[in-house]
């Protein structure tokens, strides 16, 4: 299979371009991309024989799905939630878990992975429920999944109470470390345990694991997770990266921005999940929700805290809709959080790898091309796209009518 050594006429987002990049009619000038062994080098557009001509197509680095649940996906038809809200969804998934055999898990997770890759996802991080001290079957099944166009990362998602015993916390962390994965936990007012969270952090430090937490997924001003974490980090700096998903309570807390001030001093990333949080937070039968259920997105950005948008649940009790397409997640965030320019600014929230991995810049010559799109209507109209990795074109995805 022949590979192009580069591409010309690429419209890149402003956030990706170096300072001083030339402008034309108020827009960044088109770029020429040179694919090298060390990555991709940009320069202002010039025609080069043998390069792929993009003719002004919008170009992004391969997309990121930073927060998924491949073990739960595509179960809504058989196990819908009986009431609105987070805790009812948790109860529905507990009932569905009896059906999670190897064939069921593999089939659903593979379908989800294929959907994500079709949408242009090159990195997918999935949480896997742990409800015993030992790794569940889903941990093994998802760990076996592979795709040449997508890196899959696993997070062990256990209730924080599973770390109340220091020896058990060590046991879980050791299994995660052996898998080369990420240690996680579910932290909520319904299971708050400061000692257990201490054990989780200590075990992760000993095993040199990054952490990815479901934390403060609620609208209670009394939620303790992020507030406690900020105090802890002031006394015990953590050597790895800590990713905090949800953080809905920050918007209800008088000290929310003060908490962010502390987190900004540490290696903390926030993941906002607009689709699921808008659906599950402030959910009361027969009543229009009054609150958005989002974390402090703009305040985090103002403090240069790394931040991404994730889909979270797809077609399960937590969220009965969803597509594994980061463009859908981005559009939801654009409206609900009143974000800035979709392509030139907000697109970073679905493809900036430095938010998850220190030192990461671009994936190795891996881009998503939107050949018909323009910055005014993206991501709604002309969503047709294809992948260009190592100079080789892969597929084409379109949901246009």
Protein backbone atom coordinates (compact mmCIF):
# COMPACT_ATOMS: atom_id res chain seq x y z
CA UNK A 1 0.00 0.00 0.00
CA UNK A 2 1.49 3.30 -1.11
CA UNK A 3 1.79 6.11 1.41
CA UNK A 4 1.85 9.84 0.76
CA UNK A 5 4.95 11.53 2.22
CA UNK A 6 2.84 14.54 3.14
CA UNK A 7 -0.25 16.59 2.40
CA UNK A 8 -0.85 20.10 1.12
CA UNK A 9 -3.69 22.56 1.63
CA UNK A 10 -4.69 21.49 5.15
CA UNK A 11 -6.85 23.82 7.26
CA UNK A 12 -5.57 23.21 10.77
CA UNK A 13 -7.15 24.61 13.97
CA UNK A 14 -5.57 27.66 15.54
CA UNK A 15 -4.80 25.85 18.80
CA UNK A 16 -2.53 23.43 16.93
CA UNK A 17 -0.52 26.00 15.00
CA UNK A 18 2.67 27.65 16.27
CA UNK A 19 2.75 31.29 17.29
CA UNK A 20 3.18 33.68 14.40
CA UNK A 21 1.44 31.48 11.87
CA UNK A 22 0.39 33.63 8.88
CA UNK A 23 -3.24 34.67 8.48
CA UNK A 24 -5.33 35.15 5.35
CA UNK A 25 -8.61 37.09 5.51
CA UNK A 26 -8.81 36.58 9.25
CA UNK A 27 -8.24 32.81 9.02
CA UNK A 28 -5.08 30.78 9.53
CA UNK A 29 -3.30 30.16 6.25
CA UNK A 30 -3.47 26.65 4.88
CA UNK A 31 -0.65 24.28 5.80
CA UNK A 32 1.56 21.70 4.21
CA UNK A 33 2.17 18.63 6.35
CA UNK A 34 5.42 16.67 6.10
CA UNK A 35 5.23 13.15 7.54
CA UNK A 36 8.57 12.15 9.03
CA UNK A 37 9.87 9.36 11.20
CA UNK A 38 9.71 11.72 14.17
CA UNK A 39 6.14 12.94 13.57
CA UNK A 40 4.59 15.69 11.51
CA UNK A 41 6.15 19.02 10.57
CA UNK A 42 3.98 21.97 9.47
CA UNK A 43 4.76 24.87 7.20
CA UNK A 44 2.58 27.38 5.34
CA UNK A 45 1.03 25.92 2.22
CA UNK A 46 3.06 25.25 -0.89
CA UNK A 47 2.40 22.75 -3.66
CA UNK A 48 4.68 19.72 -3.57
CA UNK A 49 4.60 17.01 -6.19
CA UNK A 50 3.61 13.61 -4.80
CA UNK A 51 1.83 15.03 -1.75
CA UNK A 52 -1.88 14.48 -1.11
CA UNK A 53 -3.82 17.61 -2.11
CA UNK A 54 -6.41 18.43 0.57
CA UNK A 55 -7.68 21.63 -1.07
CA UNK A 56 -8.57 23.40 2.18
CA UNK A 57 -10.15 20.43 3.97
CA UNK A 58 -10.43 20.70 7.76
CA UNK A 59 -7.80 18.53 9.46
CA UNK A 60 -7.55 17.42 13.08
CA UNK A 61 -5.26 15.03 14.92
CA UNK A 62 -6.86 11.62 15.43
CA UNK A 63 -9.72 12.05 17.91
CA UNK A 64 -9.77 10.95 21.54
CA UNK A 65 -12.49 9.23 23.51
CA UNK A 66 -11.16 9.83 27.03
CA UNK A 67 -14.01 8.29 29.01
CA UNK A 68 -16.04 5.29 27.84
CA UNK A 69 -17.58 2.17 29.36
CA UNK A 70 -17.16 -0.68 26.90
CA UNK A 71 -18.41 -3.22 29.43
CA UNK A 72 -21.79 -1.45 29.80
CA UNK A 73 -22.35 -0.34 26.22
CA UNK A 74 -25.41 -1.37 24.15
CA UNK A 75 -27.40 -2.80 27.08
CA UNK A 76 -30.23 -0.26 27.30
CA UNK A 77 -32.77 -2.39 25.43
CA UNK A 78 -32.52 -5.21 27.94
CA UNK A 79 -31.84 -3.19 31.12
CA UNK A 80 -33.22 0.36 31.03
CA UNK A 81 -33.19 2.46 34.18
CA UNK A 82 -36.53 2.45 35.98
CA UNK A 83 -36.18 6.01 37.29
CA UNK A 84 -34.16 9.05 36.18
CA UNK A 85 -30.86 9.83 37.84
CA UNK A 86 -27.48 8.28 38.53
CA UNK A 87 -28.34 5.85 41.32
CA UNK A 88 -31.22 4.29 39.39
CA UNK A 89 -28.88 3.73 36.44
CA UNK A 90 -26.36 2.04 38.74
CA UNK A 91 -29.10 -0.29 40.00
CA UNK A 92 -30.10 -1.22 36.44
CA UNK A 93 -26.51 -2.06 35.52
CA UNK A 94 -26.10 -4.25 38.60
CA UNK A 95 -29.02 -6.33 37.31
CA UNK A 96 -27.63 -6.51 33.79
CA UNK A 97 -24.21 -7.67 34.97
CA UNK A 98 -25.54 -11.24 35.35
CA UNK A 99 -25.57 -11.43 31.52
CA UNK A 100 -21.94 -10.41 31.09
CA UNK A 101 -20.38 -13.58 29.71
CA UNK A 102 -17.37 -13.57 27.41
CA UNK A 103 -19.34 -13.63 24.16
CA UNK A 104 -21.70 -10.87 25.28
CA UNK A 105 -18.88 -8.59 26.44
CA UNK A 106 -16.73 -9.21 23.37
CA UNK A 107 -19.59 -8.59 20.93
CA UNK A 108 -20.73 -5.34 22.50
CA UNK A 109 -17.25 -3.95 23.12
CA UNK A 110 -16.11 -4.79 19.58
CA UNK A 111 -19.10 -3.00 18.09
CA UNK A 112 -18.34 0.05 20.23
CA UNK A 113 -14.67 0.04 19.22
CA UNK A 114 -15.59 -0.19 15.54
CA UNK A 115 -18.00 2.73 15.85
CA UNK A 116 -15.32 4.83 17.53
CA UNK A 117 -12.69 4.03 14.90
CA UNK A 118 -15.15 4.83 12.10
CA UNK A 119 -15.61 8.24 13.72
CA UNK A 120 -11.85 8.88 13.73
CA UNK A 121 -10.91 7.91 17.29
CA UNK A 122 -7.26 6.95 17.67
CA UNK A 123 -7.18 6.69 21.48
CA UNK A 124 -10.01 5.26 23.56
CA UNK A 125 -9.91 5.07 27.34
CA UNK A 126 -12.52 2.79 28.88
CA UNK A 127 -13.47 2.22 32.49
CA UNK A 128 -14.14 -1.38 33.53
CA UNK A 129 -16.33 -2.08 36.57
CA UNK A 130 -14.62 -3.95 39.41
CA UNK A 131 -16.97 -5.42 42.00
CA UNK A 132 -14.55 -7.89 43.57
CA UNK A 133 -10.96 -7.76 44.71
CA UNK A 134 -9.87 -9.67 41.63
CA UNK A 135 -10.04 -8.46 38.04
CA UNK A 136 -13.43 -9.14 36.45
CA UNK A 137 -14.02 -11.03 33.21
CA UNK A 138 -14.58 -7.74 31.35
CA UNK A 139 -11.04 -6.67 32.25
CA UNK A 140 -9.65 -9.64 30.35
CA UNK A 141 -12.06 -9.43 27.40
CA UNK A 142 -11.50 -5.72 26.78
CA UNK A 143 -7.79 -6.24 27.28
CA UNK A 144 -7.83 -8.63 24.32
CA UNK A 145 -9.37 -6.07 21.96
CA UNK A 146 -7.05 -4.65 19.34
CA UNK A 147 -7.38 -2.34 16.38
CA UNK A 148 -4.58 -1.03 14.14
CA UNK A 149 -6.07 2.48 14.17
CA UNK A 150 -6.87 2.82 17.87
CA UNK A 151 -5.02 2.48 21.16
CA UNK A 152 -7.25 1.15 23.96
CA UNK A 153 -6.53 2.07 27.58
CA UNK A 154 -8.27 0.41 30.54
CA UNK A 155 -9.18 1.95 33.88
CA UNK A 156 -10.14 -0.22 36.85
CA UNK A 157 -13.34 1.34 38.16
CA UNK A 158 -14.07 0.14 41.70
CA UNK A 159 -16.20 1.81 44.38
CA UNK A 160 -13.87 3.73 46.67
CA UNK A 161 -14.98 1.50 49.55
CA UNK A 162 -13.03 -1.35 47.93
CA UNK A 163 -9.88 0.50 49.00
CA UNK A 164 -10.90 0.80 52.66
CA UNK A 165 -8.61 -2.11 53.46
CA UNK A 166 -5.01 -1.20 52.66
CA UNK A 167 -4.06 -4.76 51.72
CA UNK A 168 -6.96 -5.02 49.29
CA UNK A 169 -6.05 -1.65 47.78
CA UNK A 170 -2.54 -3.01 47.24
CA UNK A 171 -3.95 -6.19 45.67
CA UNK A 172 -6.08 -4.25 43.17
CA UNK A 173 -3.25 -1.86 42.30
CA UNK A 174 -0.84 -4.74 41.69
CA UNK A 175 -3.23 -6.31 39.17
CA UNK A 176 -3.68 -3.00 37.38
CA UNK A 177 0.08 -2.45 37.25
CA UNK A 178 0.61 -5.90 35.74
CA UNK A 179 -1.88 -4.97 33.00
CA UNK A 180 -0.15 -1.68 32.20
CA UNK A 181 -3.43 0.11 32.90
CA UNK A 182 -4.80 2.95 35.05
CA UNK A 183 -6.19 2.75 38.58
CA UNK A 184 -9.61 4.27 39.16
CA UNK A 185 -12.40 4.62 41.64
CA UNK A 186 -15.98 5.83 42.02
CA UNK A 187 -16.21 8.57 44.67
CA UNK A 188 -19.64 9.95 45.61
CA UNK A 189 -21.41 11.21 48.73
CA UNK A 190 -23.20 7.84 48.90
CA UNK A 191 -19.90 6.00 49.51
CA UNK A 192 -17.55 8.72 50.77
CA UNK A 193 -14.56 7.32 52.68
CA UNK A 194 -11.50 9.53 53.09
CA UNK A 195 -9.33 6.68 54.41
CA UNK A 196 -10.21 4.52 51.42
CA UNK A 197 -9.26 7.29 48.99
CA UNK A 198 -5.99 7.72 50.87
CA UNK A 199 -5.26 4.02 50.38
CA UNK A 200 -6.09 4.29 46.67
CA UNK A 201 -3.65 7.18 46.21
CA UNK A 202 -0.94 5.51 48.26
CA UNK A 203 -1.24 2.23 46.38
CA UNK A 204 -1.11 4.04 43.05
CA UNK A 205 2.03 5.89 44.16
CA UNK A 206 3.76 2.70 45.22
CA UNK A 207 2.97 1.00 41.91
CA UNK A 208 3.65 4.17 39.89
CA UNK A 209 0.17 4.16 38.39
CA UNK A 210 -1.78 7.04 36.94
CA UNK A 211 -5.25 7.54 38.43
CA UNK A 212 -8.59 8.17 36.73
CA UNK A 213 -11.46 8.92 39.10
CA UNK A 214 -15.24 9.17 38.78
CA UNK A 215 -15.55 11.91 41.36
CA UNK A 216 -18.34 14.17 42.64
CA UNK A 217 -20.83 13.05 39.99
CA UNK A 218 -23.56 14.96 41.80
CA UNK A 219 -24.88 18.45 42.39
CA UNK A 220 -24.35 18.51 46.14
CA UNK A 221 -22.43 21.45 47.59
CA UNK A 222 -21.39 19.05 50.36
CA UNK A 223 -19.59 16.62 48.04
CA UNK A 224 -16.16 15.92 49.49
CA UNK A 225 -14.19 14.23 46.69
CA UNK A 226 -12.41 17.05 44.86
CA UNK A 227 -12.34 19.26 47.94
CA UNK A 228 -10.54 16.53 49.89
CA UNK A 229 -8.27 15.67 46.95
CA UNK A 230 -7.08 19.28 46.71
CA UNK A 231 -6.17 19.32 50.40
CA UNK A 232 -4.43 15.95 50.13
CA UNK A 233 -2.29 17.02 47.17
CA UNK A 234 -1.11 20.11 49.04
CA UNK A 235 0.39 17.80 51.67
CA UNK A 236 1.23 14.77 49.49
CA UNK A 237 2.15 15.68 45.89
CA UNK A 238 1.41 12.79 43.55
CA UNK A 239 4.06 11.75 41.03
CA UNK A 240 1.64 10.44 38.37
CA UNK A 241 -1.20 12.07 36.50
CA UNK A 242 -4.66 12.23 38.11
CA UNK A 243 -7.66 12.44 35.82
CA UNK A 244 -10.92 13.55 37.43
CA UNK A 245 -14.10 12.86 35.50
CA UNK A 246 -17.48 14.50 36.12
CA UNK A 247 -16.75 16.98 38.94
CA UNK A 248 -20.35 18.25 38.70
CA UNK A 249 -20.38 19.39 42.31
CA UNK A 250 -17.76 22.07 41.65
CA UNK A 251 -20.44 24.27 40.08
CA UNK A 252 -22.45 24.12 43.31
CA UNK A 253 -19.63 24.80 45.74
CA UNK A 254 -18.66 28.25 46.97
CA UNK A 255 -15.05 27.07 47.06
CA UNK A 256 -15.20 25.49 43.60
CA UNK A 257 -12.76 27.91 41.99
CA UNK A 258 -10.46 27.73 45.02
CA UNK A 259 -10.37 23.96 44.57
CA UNK A 260 -9.39 24.50 40.94
CA UNK A 261 -6.63 26.87 42.04
CA UNK A 262 -5.05 24.00 43.96
CA UNK A 263 -5.60 21.36 41.29
CA UNK A 264 -3.94 23.65 38.74
CA UNK A 265 -0.69 23.30 40.69
CA UNK A 266 -0.66 19.53 40.22
CA UNK A 267 -0.82 17.07 37.35
CA UNK A 268 -4.59 16.94 37.25
CA UNK A 269 -6.79 16.66 34.17
CA UNK A 270 -10.55 17.22 34.15
CA UNK A 271 -12.93 15.29 31.91
CA UNK A 272 -16.32 16.90 31.30
CA UNK A 273 -19.10 14.58 30.15
CA UNK A 274 -21.88 16.79 28.84
CA UNK A 275 -24.19 14.15 27.35
CA UNK A 276 -24.54 11.91 30.40
CA UNK A 277 -24.24 14.64 33.02
CA UNK A 278 -26.96 16.71 31.39
CA UNK A 279 -29.19 13.65 31.36
CA UNK A 280 -28.57 12.30 34.88
CA UNK A 281 -28.06 15.42 36.98
CA UNK A 282 -31.07 17.32 38.36
CA UNK A 283 -33.26 14.49 37.02
CA UNK A 284 -36.72 14.49 38.62
CA UNK A 285 -39.74 12.74 37.07
CA UNK A 286 -42.14 15.16 35.40
CA UNK A 287 -39.95 18.20 36.03
CA UNK A 288 -37.76 20.18 33.66
CA UNK A 289 -34.16 20.23 34.97
CA UNK A 290 -33.00 23.57 36.34
CA UNK A 291 -29.25 22.87 36.48
CA UNK A 292 -26.80 21.88 33.77
CA UNK A 293 -24.84 19.28 35.71
CA UNK A 294 -21.48 20.34 34.26
CA UNK A 295 -18.15 20.89 35.92
CA UNK A 296 -16.40 24.28 35.84
CA UNK A 297 -15.12 23.98 32.28
CA UNK A 298 -14.27 27.62 31.52
CA UNK A 299 -12.80 28.21 34.96
CA UNK A 300 -10.54 25.18 34.49
CA UNK A 301 -9.47 26.45 31.09
CA UNK A 302 -8.68 29.87 32.55
CA UNK A 303 -6.31 28.13 34.97
CA UNK A 304 -4.68 26.07 32.18
CA UNK A 305 -5.95 22.83 33.71
CA UNK A 306 -5.91 20.17 30.97
CA UNK A 307 -9.47 19.33 30.00
CA UNK A 308 -11.21 16.98 27.57
CA UNK A 309 -14.80 16.12 26.69
CA UNK A 310 -15.91 12.49 26.79
CA UNK A 311 -18.98 10.52 25.76
CA UNK A 312 -19.18 8.44 28.95
CA UNK A 313 -22.00 5.92 28.56
CA UNK A 314 -23.46 4.91 25.21
CA UNK A 315 -26.83 3.19 24.87
CA UNK A 316 -27.05 1.82 28.39
CA UNK A 317 -29.02 2.62 31.54
CA UNK A 318 -26.94 5.74 32.18
CA UNK A 319 -27.43 7.19 28.69
CA UNK A 320 -29.90 5.48 26.29
CA UNK A 321 -28.50 7.36 23.28
CA UNK A 322 -24.99 7.94 21.96
CA UNK A 323 -22.75 7.19 19.02
CA UNK A 324 -19.07 6.94 20.03
CA UNK A 325 -18.53 9.95 17.78
CA UNK A 326 -16.58 12.74 19.54
CA UNK A 327 -18.25 15.27 17.22
CA UNK A 328 -21.57 14.55 18.94
CA UNK A 329 -19.93 15.02 22.33
CA UNK A 330 -18.34 18.26 21.19
CA UNK A 331 -21.60 19.66 19.85
CA UNK A 332 -23.31 18.91 23.16
CA UNK A 333 -20.51 20.70 24.99
CA UNK A 334 -20.53 23.66 22.63
CA UNK A 335 -24.12 24.48 23.52
CA UNK A 336 -24.34 23.41 27.15
CA UNK A 337 -21.05 25.02 28.21
CA UNK A 338 -21.24 27.92 25.72
CA UNK A 339 -17.79 27.18 24.35
CA UNK A 340 -15.85 29.23 21.83
CA UNK A 341 -15.18 28.64 18.13
CA UNK A 342 -15.93 25.00 17.40
CA UNK A 343 -13.06 24.14 15.08
CA UNK A 344 -10.35 26.65 15.97
CA UNK A 345 -10.71 26.43 19.76
CA UNK A 346 -13.07 23.77 21.12
CA UNK A 347 -11.84 20.96 18.87
CA UNK A 348 -8.82 20.67 21.19
CA UNK A 349 -11.21 19.16 23.75
CA UNK A 350 -11.61 16.01 21.64
CA UNK A 351 -8.10 15.48 20.34
CA UNK A 352 -5.38 17.03 22.54
CA UNK A 353 -3.34 14.11 23.82
CA UNK A 354 -1.25 16.15 26.24
CA UNK A 355 -4.30 16.19 28.51
CA UNK A 356 -3.87 12.46 29.15
CA UNK A 357 -0.18 11.82 28.55
CA UNK A 358 2.72 14.02 29.56
CA UNK A 359 4.96 14.94 26.68
CA UNK A 360 2.56 13.66 24.04
CA UNK A 361 2.01 16.04 21.17
CA UNK A 362 0.56 14.64 17.98
CA UNK A 363 -0.09 10.98 17.40
CA UNK A 364 2.38 9.62 14.88
CA UNK A 365 1.24 11.17 11.59
CA UNK A 366 -2.38 10.36 12.38
CA UNK A 367 -5.11 12.75 11.26
CA UNK A 368 -8.83 12.93 10.52
CA UNK A 369 -9.73 14.73 7.29
CA UNK A 370 -13.11 16.43 6.76
CA UNK A 371 -13.05 17.01 2.98
CA UNK A 372 -16.34 18.92 2.60
CA UNK A 373 -16.55 20.82 5.88
CA UNK A 374 -16.12 24.51 6.67
CA UNK A 375 -15.38 26.12 10.01
CA UNK A 376 -18.73 27.96 10.14
CA UNK A 377 -20.91 24.84 10.13
CA UNK A 378 -18.58 22.18 11.58
CA UNK A 379 -19.31 19.86 13.40
CA UNK A 380 -22.92 19.72 12.21
CA UNK A 381 -22.92 19.78 8.41
CA UNK A 382 -20.63 17.80 6.13
CA UNK A 383 -19.45 15.31 8.71
CA UNK A 384 -17.95 12.99 6.08
CA UNK A 385 -14.42 12.12 7.06
CA UNK A 386 -11.53 9.74 6.53
CA UNK A 387 -8.37 8.83 8.37
CA UNK A 388 -4.87 9.60 7.16
CA UNK A 389 -2.32 7.66 9.20
CA UNK A 390 1.32 7.38 8.23
CA UNK A 391 0.30 8.83 4.88
CA UNK A 392 -2.19 6.02 4.20
CA UNK A 393 -5.90 6.73 3.78
CA UNK A 394 -8.35 4.56 5.73
CA UNK A 395 -12.07 4.41 5.16
CA UNK A 396 -14.67 7.07 5.04
CA UNK A 397 -17.44 7.74 7.51
CA UNK A 398 -20.55 9.78 6.72
CA UNK A 399 -23.89 10.19 8.43
CA UNK A 400 -25.05 12.88 6.01
CA UNK A 401 -28.50 12.28 4.58
